[in-house]
Amino acid sequence: MAFEKSIKRFDLMYGSSPAMERLFQQIEKVAATDATVLLVGESGTGKELIAKAIHQASPRNAEAFVAVNCGAIPAHLIEAALFGHEKGSFTGAARQHVGYFEHASRGTLFLDEITEMPVEMQVKLLRVLESGAFLRVGGSEEVKVDVRLVAATNRDLEGAVKQGHLREDLMYRLAVFPVRVPPLRERGIDIELLAQCFLHELNAQEKTDKVFSHSSLEVVRSYSWPGNVRELKNVVQRAFIIATDTLNIEECLSDMSAKKPTFHEGYLNFFVGTPLAEAQREIILATLKHYSGNKRLTAEALGISLKTLYNRLKDY
């Protein structure tokens, strides 16, 4: 692709807008250090890619990059998942288990959705960050680790502290180097460039030569993309599947909008014939919105496990 080399950075991300140039500069500066980084940005903006970019640009790049979604781990298992456990420490612990911190030793540990971590666990995380050591569940000997931590959240930090989702002392410890990840709507020229990149990848995979219609590019540039890069990528893929030669983005967006259920005072109204998968998606997203993004309450209300909820959200 003619413009690929000029806009691709860290072998992971694309962008040449002022917002992304600022982000790239921050990554380059902080990657060379061992400072803890806190990424703050909306869902779908690519926070895990940024964490990987920090790792790859750091002196630790030959070691492991371990990504953990804090909200996807049941509250009663998260300590053992992070720090490991000794054989016989609880029912079912048939052997010693090494946790994520040990797996990431000398490398980088990425804790996504940090505000979904139980508050009592945040106390233990803070202690590990301060001391560089921890006890496995059921253990009596300290385990020393050398881990570079990158954390992320899609919540407003002050709001998360006020609502009790994040300890204030942990926030300050994590935000040694805070990074705001810009939403797609603030990235200007990057929006069309990203759409072209996604189309280029699909053409390469399928050995096709499809293109965007002129009106599609106008829509790409003018639409607000509330789902950010993730939404853009999914819409391009859907338009690609439907298209014979020319992608029609506006058709995909209008089809999705026309059939979208309406939400009013706690109720969802669906069109008759709405596919079950789409109905399930809208119910989950509406419930998540109703509970102000609290995934634990959402999972409980829907009668599903937190892991199932995270899997669904990842798919969406």
C-alpha atoms as a PDB file:
ATOM      1  CA  MET A   1       0.000   0.000   0.000  1.00  0.00           C
ATOM      2  CA  ALA A   2       1.462   3.317  -1.028  1.00  0.00           C
ATOM      3  CA  PHE A   3       0.739   5.159   2.196  1.00  0.00           C
ATOM      4  CA  GLU A   4       1.288   2.239   4.569  1.00  0.00           C
ATOM      5  CA  LYS A   5       4.888   2.974   5.555  1.00  0.00           C
ATOM      6  CA  SER A   6       4.211   6.638   6.162  1.00  0.00           C
ATOM      7  CA  ILE A   7       1.374   6.069   8.621  1.00  0.00           C
ATOM      8  CA  LYS A   8       2.238   2.777  10.311  1.00  0.00           C
ATOM      9  CA  ARG A   9       4.057   2.936  13.651  1.00  0.00           C
ATOM     10  CA  PHE A  10       5.419   0.255  15.970  1.00  0.00           C
ATOM     11  CA  ASP A  11       4.250  -2.458  13.482  1.00  0.00           C
ATOM     12  CA  LEU A  12       0.880  -2.261  15.210  1.00  0.00           C
ATOM     13  CA  MET A  13      -0.899   1.061  14.759  1.00  0.00           C
ATOM     14  CA  TYR A  14      -1.778   3.398  11.930  1.00  0.00           C
ATOM     15  CA  GLY A  15      -2.161   7.153  12.109  1.00  0.00           C
ATOM     16  CA  SER A  16      -0.799  10.488  10.987  1.00  0.00           C
ATOM     17  CA  SER A  17      -3.260  12.877  12.649  1.00  0.00           C
ATOM     18  CA  PRO A  18      -1.979  15.356  15.255  1.00  0.00           C
ATOM     19  CA  ALA A  19      -3.757  13.372  17.992  1.00  0.00           C
ATOM     20  CA  MET A  20      -1.933  10.175  17.030  1.00  0.00           C
ATOM     21  CA  GLU A  21       1.395  11.943  16.559  1.00  0.00           C
ATOM     22  CA  ARG A  22       1.125  13.146  20.155  1.00  0.00           C
ATOM     23  CA  LEU A  23       0.281   9.605  21.255  1.00  0.00           C
ATOM     24  CA  PHE A  24       3.242   8.137  19.349  1.00  0.00           C
ATOM     25  CA  GLN A  25       5.572  10.673  20.946  1.00  0.00           C
ATOM     26  CA  GLN A  26       4.310   9.701  24.402  1.00  0.00           C
ATOM     27  CA  ILE A  27       4.812   6.005  23.648  1.00  0.00           C
ATOM     28  CA  GLU A  28       8.379   6.583  22.459  1.00  0.00           C
ATOM     29  CA  LYS A  29       9.272   8.599  25.563  1.00  0.00           C
ATOM     30  CA  VAL A  30       7.750   6.289  28.169  1.00  0.00           C
ATOM     31  CA  ALA A  31       8.737   3.006  26.500  1.00  0.00           C
ATOM     32  CA  ALA A  32      12.400   3.561  27.278  1.00  0.00           C
ATOM     33  CA  THR A  33      11.617   3.761  31.012  1.00  0.00           C
ATOM     34  CA  ASP A  34      10.114   1.345  33.530  1.00  0.00           C
ATOM     35  CA  ALA A  35       7.407   3.801  34.559  1.00  0.00           C
ATOM     36  CA  THR A  36       3.923   2.436  35.193  1.00  0.00           C
ATOM     37  CA  VAL A  37       1.502   3.598  32.492  1.00  0.00           C
ATOM     38  CA  LEU A  38      -2.259   4.152  32.777  1.00  0.00           C
ATOM     39  CA  LEU A  39      -4.167   4.247  29.483  1.00  0.00           C
ATOM     40  CA  VAL A  40      -7.506   6.042  29.615  1.00  0.00           C
ATOM     41  CA  GLY A  41      -9.846   5.926  26.639  1.00  0.00           C
ATOM     42  CA  GLU A  42     -13.195   4.821  25.279  1.00  0.00           C
ATOM     43  CA  SER A  43     -13.923   1.210  24.359  1.00  0.00           C
ATOM     44  CA  GLY A  44     -12.692   0.268  20.916  1.00  0.00           C
ATOM     45  CA  THR A  45      -9.830   2.773  20.756  1.00  0.00           C
ATOM     46  CA  GLY A  46      -7.074   0.136  20.801  1.00  0.00           C
ATOM     47  CA  LYS A  47      -5.663   0.353  24.320  1.00  0.00           C
ATOM     48  CA  GLU A  48      -4.210  -3.168  24.178  1.00  0.00           C
ATOM     49  CA  LEU A  49      -2.416  -2.317  20.921  1.00  0.00           C
ATOM     50  CA  ILE A  50      -0.894   0.705  22.638  1.00  0.00           C
ATOM     51  CA  ALA A  51       0.237  -1.444  25.564  1.00  0.00           C
ATOM     52  CA  LYS A  52       1.865  -3.862  23.091  1.00  0.00           C
ATOM     53  CA  ALA A  53       3.530  -0.937  21.323  1.00  0.00           C
ATOM     54  CA  ILE A  54       4.992   0.291  24.624  1.00  0.00           C
ATOM     55  CA  HIS A  55       6.324  -3.210  25.295  1.00  0.00           C
ATOM     56  CA  GLN A  56       7.790  -3.667  21.815  1.00  0.00           C
ATOM     57  CA  ALA A  57       9.538  -0.288  21.948  1.00  0.00           C
ATOM     58  CA  SER A  58      10.992  -1.007  25.398  1.00  0.00           C
ATOM     59  CA  PRO A  59      14.188  -2.799  26.481  1.00  0.00           C
ATOM     60  CA  ARG A  60      11.895  -5.607  27.686  1.00  0.00           C
ATOM     61  CA  ASN A  61      10.689  -6.498  24.188  1.00  0.00           C
ATOM     62  CA  ALA A  62      12.494  -9.861  24.139  1.00  0.00           C
ATOM     63  CA  GLU A  63      10.494 -10.984  27.184  1.00  0.00           C
ATOM     64  CA  ALA A  64       6.801 -11.818  27.629  1.00  0.00           C
ATOM     65  CA  PHE A  65       3.873  -9.466  27.091  1.00  0.00           C
ATOM     66  CA  VAL A  66       0.963 -10.771  29.184  1.00  0.00           C
ATOM     67  CA  ALA A  67      -2.518  -9.252  28.777  1.00  0.00           C
ATOM     68  CA  VAL A  68      -5.175  -9.776  31.455  1.00  0.00           C
ATOM     69  CA  ASN A  69      -8.782  -8.561  31.435  1.00  0.00           C
ATOM     70  CA  CYS A  70      -9.465  -7.899  35.111  1.00  0.00           C
ATOM     71  CA  GLY A  71     -13.237  -7.975  34.756  1.00  0.00           C
ATOM     72  CA  ALA A  72     -13.289 -11.351  33.019  1.00  0.00           C
ATOM     73  CA  ILE A  73     -11.869 -13.185  36.050  1.00  0.00           C
ATOM     74  CA  PRO A  74     -14.332 -14.156  38.819  1.00  0.00           C
ATOM     75  CA  ALA A  75     -13.680 -12.206  42.012  1.00  0.00           C
ATOM     76  CA  HIS A  76     -12.881 -15.325  44.046  1.00  0.00           C
ATOM     77  CA  LEU A  77     -10.235 -16.464  41.545  1.00  0.00           C
ATOM     78  CA  ILE A  78      -8.478 -13.237  40.660  1.00  0.00           C
ATOM     79  CA  GLU A  79      -5.835 -13.405  43.416  1.00  0.00           C
ATOM     80  CA  ALA A  80      -4.767 -16.906  42.366  1.00  0.00           C
ATOM     81  CA  ALA A  81      -4.855 -15.871  38.711  1.00  0.00           C
ATOM     82  CA  LEU A  82      -2.539 -12.908  39.280  1.00  0.00           C
ATOM     83  CA  PHE A  83      -0.217 -14.297  41.929  1.00  0.00           C
ATOM     84  CA  GLY A  84      -0.575 -18.067  41.581  1.00  0.00           C
ATOM     85  CA  HIS A  85      -1.299 -20.635  44.274  1.00  0.00           C
ATOM     86  CA  GLU A  86       0.400 -23.504  46.056  1.00  0.00           C
ATOM     87  CA  LYS A  87      -0.676 -27.112  45.844  1.00  0.00           C
ATOM     88  CA  GLY A  88      -3.498 -27.842  48.283  1.00  0.00           C
ATOM     89  CA  SER A  89      -4.169 -24.176  49.043  1.00  0.00           C
ATOM     90  CA  PHE A  90      -7.871 -24.654  48.265  1.00  0.00           C
ATOM     91  CA  THR A  91     -10.232 -27.316  46.973  1.00  0.00           C
ATOM     92  CA  GLY A  92      -9.165 -28.286  43.480  1.00  0.00           C
ATOM     93  CA  ALA A  93      -5.623 -26.917  43.781  1.00  0.00           C
ATOM     94  CA  ALA A  94      -3.987 -30.202  42.781  1.00  0.00           C
ATOM     95  CA  ARG A  95      -0.645 -28.623  41.901  1.00  0.00           C
ATOM     96  CA  GLN A  96       1.286 -25.388  42.157  1.00  0.00           C
ATOM     97  CA  HIS A  97       0.059 -22.704  39.754  1.00  0.00           C
ATOM     98  CA  VAL A  98       2.172 -19.822  38.459  1.00  0.00           C
ATOM     99  CA  GLY A  99       0.202 -16.574  38.107  1.00  0.00           C
ATOM    100  CA  TYR A 100       0.261 -13.819  35.530  1.00  0.00           C
ATOM    101  CA  PHE A 101       2.809 -11.743  37.459  1.00  0.00           C
ATOM    102  CA  GLU A 102       5.376 -14.538  37.327  1.00  0.00           C
ATOM    103  CA  HIS A 103       4.629 -15.258  33.679  1.00  0.00           C
ATOM    104  CA  ALA A 104       5.336 -11.582  32.927  1.00  0.00           C
ATOM    105  CA  SER A 105       8.540 -11.390  34.983  1.00  0.00           C
ATOM    106  CA  ARG A 106      11.202  -9.294  33.192  1.00  0.00           C
ATOM    107  CA  GLY A 107       8.494  -8.401  30.668  1.00  0.00           C
ATOM    108  CA  THR A 108       5.274  -6.369  30.639  1.00  0.00           C
ATOM    109  CA  LEU A 109       1.943  -7.090  32.323  1.00  0.00           C
ATOM    110  CA  PHE A 110      -1.114  -5.360  30.841  1.00  0.00           C
ATOM    111  CA  LEU A 111      -4.106  -5.106  33.196  1.00  0.00           C
ATOM    112  CA  ASP A 112      -7.118  -4.077  31.125  1.00  0.00           C
ATOM    113  CA  GLU A 113     -10.367  -2.867  32.722  1.00  0.00           C
ATOM    114  CA  ILE A 114      -8.484  -2.175  35.958  1.00  0.00           C
ATOM    115  CA  THR A 115     -11.576  -0.513  37.482  1.00  0.00           C
ATOM    116  CA  GLU A 116     -13.388  -3.868  37.286  1.00  0.00           C
ATOM    117  CA  MET A 117     -10.927  -5.402  39.752  1.00  0.00           C
ATOM    118  CA  PRO A 118     -12.496  -5.914  43.209  1.00  0.00           C
ATOM    119  CA  VAL A 119     -11.458  -3.155  45.614  1.00  0.00           C
ATOM    120  CA  GLU A 120     -10.023  -5.621  48.136  1.00  0.00           C
ATOM    121  CA  MET A 121      -7.789  -6.980  45.386  1.00  0.00           C
ATOM    122  CA  GLN A 122      -6.665  -3.463  44.489  1.00  0.00           C
ATOM    123  CA  VAL A 123      -5.099  -3.198  47.962  1.00  0.00           C
ATOM    124  CA  LYS A 124      -2.979  -6.282  47.281  1.00  0.00           C
ATOM    125  CA  LEU A 125      -2.026  -5.009  43.824  1.00  0.00           C
ATOM    126  CA  LEU A 126      -0.869  -1.725  45.327  1.00  0.00           C
ATOM    127  CA  ARG A 127       1.326  -3.609  47.797  1.00  0.00           C
ATOM    128  CA  VAL A 128       2.943  -5.608  44.994  1.00  0.00           C
ATOM    129  CA  LEU A 129       3.615  -2.472  42.963  1.00  0.00           C
ATOM    130  CA  GLU A 130       5.294  -0.874  45.962  1.00  0.00           C
ATOM    131  CA  SER A 131       7.361  -3.897  47.052  1.00  0.00           C
ATOM    132  CA  GLY A 132       7.861  -5.950  43.886  1.00  0.00           C
ATOM    133  CA  ALA A 133       6.986  -9.087  45.853  1.00  0.00           C
ATOM    134  CA  PHE A 134       3.933 -11.170  46.765  1.00  0.00           C
ATOM    135  CA  LEU A 135       2.805 -14.447  48.298  1.00  0.00           C
ATOM    136  CA  ARG A 136       1.145 -17.119  46.215  1.00  0.00           C
ATOM    137  CA  VAL A 137      -2.249 -18.126  47.616  1.00  0.00           C
ATOM    138  CA  GLY A 138      -1.486 -20.651  50.354  1.00  0.00           C
ATOM    139  CA  GLY A 139       2.224 -19.812  50.253  1.00  0.00           C
ATOM    140  CA  SER A 140       4.566 -18.580  52.977  1.00  0.00           C
ATOM    141  CA  GLU A 141       7.594 -17.474  50.945  1.00  0.00           C
ATOM    142  CA  GLU A 142       7.692 -14.176  49.080  1.00  0.00           C
ATOM    143  CA  VAL A 143       8.075 -14.305  45.324  1.00  0.00           C
ATOM    144  CA  LYS A 144      10.117 -11.445  43.826  1.00  0.00           C
ATOM    145  CA  VAL A 145       9.260 -10.266  40.312  1.00  0.00           C
ATOM    146  CA  ASP A 146      10.507  -7.592  37.933  1.00  0.00           C
ATOM    147  CA  VAL A 147       7.416  -6.559  35.970  1.00  0.00           C
ATOM    148  CA  ARG A 148       6.615  -3.440  33.972  1.00  0.00           C
ATOM    149  CA  LEU A 149       2.914  -2.665  34.471  1.00  0.00           C
ATOM    150  CA  VAL A 150       0.563  -1.022  31.990  1.00  0.00           C
ATOM    151  CA  ALA A 151      -3.075  -0.626  33.060  1.00  0.00           C
ATOM    152  CA  ALA A 152      -6.143   0.617  31.180  1.00  0.00           C
ATOM    153  CA  THR A 153      -9.688   1.769  31.789  1.00  0.00           C
ATOM    154  CA  ASN A 154     -12.555   3.211  29.787  1.00  0.00           C
ATOM    155  CA  ARG A 155     -13.907   5.039  32.829  1.00  0.00           C
ATOM    156  CA  ASP A 156     -13.312   8.630  33.880  1.00  0.00           C
ATOM    157  CA  LEU A 157     -10.695   8.344  36.637  1.00  0.00           C
ATOM    158  CA  GLU A 158     -12.190  10.839  39.078  1.00  0.00           C
ATOM    159  CA  GLY A 159     -15.635   9.335  38.568  1.00  0.00           C
ATOM    160  CA  ALA A 160     -14.288   5.815  39.112  1.00  0.00           C
ATOM    161  CA  VAL A 161     -12.720   6.907  42.409  1.00  0.00           C
ATOM    162  CA  LYS A 162     -15.891   8.679  43.587  1.00  0.00           C
ATOM    163  CA  GLN A 163     -18.057   5.676  42.664  1.00  0.00           C
ATOM    164  CA  GLY A 164     -15.775   3.271  44.509  1.00  0.00           C
ATOM    165  CA  HIS A 165     -14.510   1.417  41.434  1.00  0.00           C
ATOM    166  CA  LEU A 166     -10.895   2.517  41.905  1.00  0.00           C
ATOM    167  CA  ARG A 167      -8.891   3.246  45.034  1.00  0.00           C
ATOM    168  CA  GLU A 168      -7.440   6.743  44.958  1.00  0.00           C
ATOM    169  CA  ASP A 169      -4.024   5.580  46.171  1.00  0.00           C
ATOM    170  CA  LEU A 170      -3.896   2.939  43.434  1.00  0.00           C
ATOM    171  CA  MET A 171      -4.917   5.504  40.822  1.00  0.00           C
ATOM    172  CA  TYR A 172      -1.956   7.695  41.737  1.00  0.00           C
ATOM    173  CA  ARG A 173       0.382   4.689  41.745  1.00  0.00           C
ATOM    174  CA  LEU A 174      -0.804   3.556  38.313  1.00  0.00           C
ATOM    175  CA  ALA A 175      -0.870   7.010  36.769  1.00  0.00           C
ATOM    176  CA  VAL A 176       2.878   7.639  37.000  1.00  0.00           C
ATOM    177  CA  PHE A 177       2.561   8.273  33.278  1.00  0.00           C
ATOM    178  CA  PRO A 178      -1.120   8.714  32.273  1.00  0.00           C
ATOM    179  CA  VAL A 179      -1.947   8.513  28.577  1.00  0.00           C
ATOM    180  CA  ARG A 180      -5.238   9.657  27.083  1.00  0.00           C
ATOM    181  CA  VAL A 181      -6.160   7.543  24.067  1.00  0.00           C
ATOM    182  CA  PRO A 182      -8.058   9.693  21.531  1.00  0.00           C
ATOM    183  CA  PRO A 183     -11.418   8.466  20.224  1.00  0.00           C
ATOM    184  CA  LEU A 184     -11.659   7.926  16.476  1.00  0.00           C
ATOM    185  CA  ARG A 185     -13.795  11.048  15.953  1.00  0.00           C
ATOM    186  CA  GLU A 186     -10.809  13.178  17.047  1.00  0.00           C
ATOM    187  CA  ARG A 187      -8.401  11.579  14.597  1.00  0.00           C
ATOM    188  CA  GLY A 188      -9.414  13.441  11.432  1.00  0.00           C
ATOM    189  CA  ILE A 189      -7.579  12.106   8.383  1.00  0.00           C
ATOM    190  CA  ASP A 190      -6.837   8.828  10.152  1.00  0.00           C
ATOM    191  CA  ILE A 191     -10.448   7.677   9.771  1.00  0.00           C
ATOM    192  CA  GLU A 192     -10.280   7.305   5.990  1.00  0.00           C
ATOM    193  CA  LEU A 193      -6.723   5.952   6.182  1.00  0.00           C
ATOM    194  CA  LEU A 194      -7.795   3.255   8.642  1.00  0.00           C
ATOM    195  CA  ALA A 195     -10.775   2.311   6.480  1.00  0.00           C
ATOM    196  CA  GLN A 196      -8.457   1.928   3.498  1.00  0.00           C
ATOM    197  CA  CYS A 197      -6.051  -0.156   5.607  1.00  0.00           C
ATOM    198  CA  PHE A 198      -8.831  -2.522   6.678  1.00  0.00           C
ATOM    199  CA  LEU A 199     -10.022  -2.848   3.084  1.00  0.00           C
ATOM    200  CA  HIS A 200      -6.457  -3.507   1.912  1.00  0.00           C
ATOM    201  CA  GLU A 201      -6.102  -6.312   4.470  1.00  0.00           C
ATOM    202  CA  LEU A 202      -9.408  -7.893   3.408  1.00  0.00           C
ATOM    203  CA  ASN A 203      -8.470  -7.689  -0.281  1.00  0.00           C
ATOM    204  CA  ALA A 204      -5.134  -9.355   0.493  1.00  0.00           C
ATOM    205  CA  GLN A 205      -6.812 -12.149   2.467  1.00  0.00           C
ATOM    206  CA  GLU A 206      -9.494 -12.848  -0.116  1.00  0.00           C
ATOM    207  CA  LYS A 207      -7.380 -12.080  -3.217  1.00  0.00           C
ATOM    208  CA  THR A 208      -9.883  -9.467  -4.413  1.00  0.00           C
ATOM    209  CA  ASP A 209      -9.618  -5.869  -5.611  1.00  0.00           C
ATOM    210  CA  LYS A 210     -12.689  -4.200  -4.092  1.00  0.00           C
ATOM    211  CA  VAL A 211     -12.866  -0.429  -3.585  1.00  0.00           C
ATOM    212  CA  PHE A 212     -14.952   2.114  -1.678  1.00  0.00           C
ATOM    213  CA  SER A 213     -17.577   4.132  -3.488  1.00  0.00           C
ATOM    214  CA  HIS A 214     -17.036   7.904  -3.411  1.00  0.00           C
ATOM    215  CA  SER A 215     -20.127   8.351  -1.228  1.00  0.00           C
ATOM    216  CA  SER A 216     -18.829   5.698   1.166  1.00  0.00           C
ATOM    217  CA  LEU A 217     -15.668   7.678   1.794  1.00  0.00           C
ATOM    218  CA  GLU A 218     -17.795  10.755   2.500  1.00  0.00           C
ATOM    219  CA  VAL A 219     -19.760   8.747   5.076  1.00  0.00           C
ATOM    220  CA  VAL A 220     -16.568   7.387   6.614  1.00  0.00           C
ATOM    221  CA  ARG A 221     -15.281  10.920   7.076  1.00  0.00           C
ATOM    222  CA  SER A 222     -18.530  12.406   8.452  1.00  0.00           C
ATOM    223  CA  TYR A 223     -19.865   9.631  10.702  1.00  0.00           C
ATOM    224  CA  SER A 224     -19.096   9.962  14.442  1.00  0.00           C
ATOM    225  CA  TRP A 225     -18.045   6.290  14.972  1.00  0.00           C
ATOM    226  CA  PRO A 226     -19.193   5.913  18.602  1.00  0.00           C
ATOM    227  CA  GLY A 227     -17.686   2.399  18.639  1.00  0.00           C
ATOM    228  CA  ASN A 228     -14.335   3.838  17.542  1.00  0.00           C
ATOM    229  CA  VAL A 229     -11.785   1.807  15.552  1.00  0.00           C
ATOM    230  CA  ARG A 230     -13.487  -1.475  16.418  1.00  0.00           C
ATOM    231  CA  GLU A 231     -16.790  -0.258  14.915  1.00  0.00           C
ATOM    232  CA  LEU A 232     -15.079   1.073  11.779  1.00  0.00           C
ATOM    233  CA  LYS A 233     -13.308  -2.241  11.209  1.00  0.00           C
ATOM    234  CA  ASN A 234     -16.510  -4.243  11.666  1.00  0.00           C
ATOM    235  CA  VAL A 235     -18.525  -2.018   9.321  1.00  0.00           C
ATOM    236  CA  VAL A 236     -15.842  -2.224   6.620  1.00  0.00           C
ATOM    237  CA  GLN A 237     -15.825  -6.011   6.945  1.00  0.00           C
ATOM    238  CA  ARG A 238     -19.611  -6.197   6.670  1.00  0.00           C
ATOM    239  CA  ALA A 239     -19.636  -3.936   3.600  1.00  0.00           C
ATOM    240  CA  PHE A 240     -16.828  -6.025   2.088  1.00  0.00           C
ATOM    241  CA  ILE A 241     -18.820  -9.237   2.487  1.00  0.00           C
ATOM    242  CA  ILE A 242     -21.911  -7.717   0.864  1.00  0.00           C
ATOM    243  CA  ALA A 243     -20.101  -5.953  -1.993  1.00  0.00           C
ATOM    244  CA  THR A 244     -19.391  -7.466  -5.384  1.00  0.00           C
ATOM    245  CA  ASP A 245     -16.852  -4.857  -6.484  1.00  0.00           C
ATOM    246  CA  THR A 246     -17.653  -1.584  -4.684  1.00  0.00           C
ATOM    247  CA  LEU A 247     -18.224  -1.188  -0.950  1.00  0.00           C
ATOM    248  CA  ASN A 248     -21.268   0.788   0.139  1.00  0.00           C
ATOM    249  CA  ILE A 249     -20.704   1.886   3.727  1.00  0.00           C
ATOM    250  CA  GLU A 250     -23.842   4.032   3.928  1.00  0.00           C
ATOM    251  CA  GLU A 251     -26.056   1.030   3.160  1.00  0.00           C
ATOM    252  CA  CYS A 252     -24.563  -0.943   6.052  1.00  0.00           C
ATOM    253  CA  LEU A 253     -24.991   1.921   8.493  1.00  0.00           C
ATOM    254  CA  SER A 254     -28.567   2.669   7.364  1.00  0.00           C
ATOM    255  CA  ASP A 255     -29.524  -1.028   7.553  1.00  0.00           C
ATOM    256  CA  MET A 256     -28.148  -1.226  11.085  1.00  0.00           C
ATOM    257  CA  SER A 257     -29.896   2.010  12.091  1.00  0.00           C
ATOM    258  CA  ALA A 258     -33.264   1.119  10.527  1.00  0.00           C
ATOM    259  CA  LYS A 259     -33.478  -2.219  12.289  1.00  0.00           C
ATOM    260  CA  LYS A 260     -32.022  -1.060  15.583  1.00  0.00           C
ATOM    261  CA  PRO A 261     -34.412  -1.576  18.525  1.00  0.00           C
ATOM    262  CA  THR A 262     -35.540   1.471  20.464  1.00  0.00           C
ATOM    263  CA  PHE A 263     -34.799   1.913  24.149  1.00  0.00           C
ATOM    264  CA  HIS A 264     -37.231   3.870  26.309  1.00  0.00           C
ATOM    265  CA  GLU A 265     -37.641   4.014  30.087  1.00  0.00           C
ATOM    266  CA  GLY A 266     -36.074   0.628  30.729  1.00  0.00           C
ATOM    267  CA  TYR A 267     -37.760  -1.167  27.816  1.00  0.00           C
ATOM    268  CA  LEU A 268     -36.463  -2.401  24.449  1.00  0.00           C
ATOM    269  CA  ASN A 269     -38.767  -2.522  21.418  1.00  0.00           C
ATOM    270  CA  PHE A 270     -37.711  -4.953  18.678  1.00  0.00           C
ATOM    271  CA  PHE A 271     -38.891  -5.304  15.114  1.00  0.00           C
ATOM    272  CA  VAL A 272     -40.565  -8.641  14.369  1.00  0.00           C
ATOM    273  CA  GLY A 273     -38.023 -10.827  12.606  1.00  0.00           C
ATOM    274  CA  THR A 274     -34.975  -9.385  14.377  1.00  0.00           C
ATOM    275  CA  PRO A 275     -32.327 -12.148  14.303  1.00  0.00           C
ATOM    276  CA  LEU A 276     -31.838 -13.773  17.714  1.00  0.00           C
ATOM    277  CA  ALA A 277     -28.120 -12.981  17.723  1.00  0.00           C
ATOM    278  CA  GLU A 278     -28.861  -9.289  17.113  1.00  0.00           C
ATOM    279  CA  ALA A 279     -31.587  -9.249  19.787  1.00  0.00           C
ATOM    280  CA  GLN A 280     -29.183 -10.800  22.282  1.00  0.00           C
ATOM    281  CA  ARG A 281     -26.549  -8.220  21.398  1.00  0.00           C
ATOM    282  CA  GLU A 282     -28.934  -5.302  21.951  1.00  0.00           C
ATOM    283  CA  ILE A 283     -30.235  -6.707  25.243  1.00  0.00           C
ATOM    284  CA  ILE A 284     -26.693  -7.090  26.567  1.00  0.00           C
ATOM    285  CA  LEU A 285     -25.616  -3.603  25.477  1.00  0.00           C
ATOM    286  CA  ALA A 286     -28.803  -1.971  26.795  1.00  0.00           C
ATOM    287  CA  THR A 287     -28.402  -3.716  30.148  1.00  0.00           C
ATOM    288  CA  LEU A 288     -24.763  -2.630  30.319  1.00  0.00           C
ATOM    289  CA  LYS A 289     -25.856   0.956  29.642  1.00  0.00           C
ATOM    290  CA  HIS A 290     -28.601   0.686  32.273  1.00  0.00           C
ATOM    291  CA  TYR A 291     -26.002  -0.293  34.874  1.00  0.00           C
ATOM    292  CA  SER A 292     -23.648   2.532  33.808  1.00  0.00           C
ATOM    293  CA  GLY A 293     -21.037   0.165  32.401  1.00  0.00           C
ATOM    294  CA  ASN A 294     -20.817  -2.029  35.524  1.00  0.00           C
ATOM    295  CA  LYS A 295     -20.137  -5.448  34.032  1.00  0.00           C
ATOM    296  CA  ARG A 296     -20.601  -7.415  37.227  1.00  0.00           C
ATOM    297  CA  LEU A 297     -24.115  -6.044  37.781  1.00  0.00           C
ATOM    298  CA  THR A 298     -24.884  -6.553  34.085  1.00  0.00           C
ATOM    299  CA  ALA A 299     -23.846 -10.209  34.191  1.00  0.00           C
ATOM    300  CA  GLU A 300     -25.882 -10.805  37.348  1.00  0.00           C
ATOM    301  CA  ALA A 301     -28.978  -9.159  35.862  1.00  0.00           C
ATOM    302  CA  LEU A 302     -28.699 -11.215  32.663  1.00  0.00           C
ATOM    303  CA  GLY A 303     -28.054 -14.452  34.543  1.00  0.00           C
ATOM    304  CA  ILE A 304     -24.746 -15.145  32.799  1.00  0.00           C
ATOM    305  CA  SER A 305     -21.174 -15.428  34.009  1.00  0.00           C
ATOM    306  CA  LEU A 306     -18.850 -12.462  33.877  1.00  0.00           C
ATOM    307  CA  LYS A 307     -16.585 -14.427  31.527  1.00  0.00           C
ATOM    308  CA  THR A 308     -19.511 -15.040  29.141  1.00  0.00           C
ATOM    309  CA  LEU A 309     -20.352 -11.340  29.188  1.00  0.00           C
ATOM    310  CA  TYR A 310     -16.765 -10.381  28.350  1.00  0.00           C
ATOM    311  CA  ASN A 311     -16.675 -12.915  25.520  1.00  0.00           C
ATOM    312  CA  ARG A 312     -19.863 -11.441  24.064  1.00  0.00           C
ATOM    313  CA  LEU A 313     -18.591  -7.870  24.364  1.00  0.00           C
ATOM    314  CA  LYS A 314     -15.323  -8.867  22.704  1.00  0.00           C
ATOM    315  CA  ASP A 315     -17.276 -10.380  19.811  1.00  0.00           C
ATOM    316  CA  TYR A 316     -19.381  -7.239  19.448  1.00  0.00           C
END
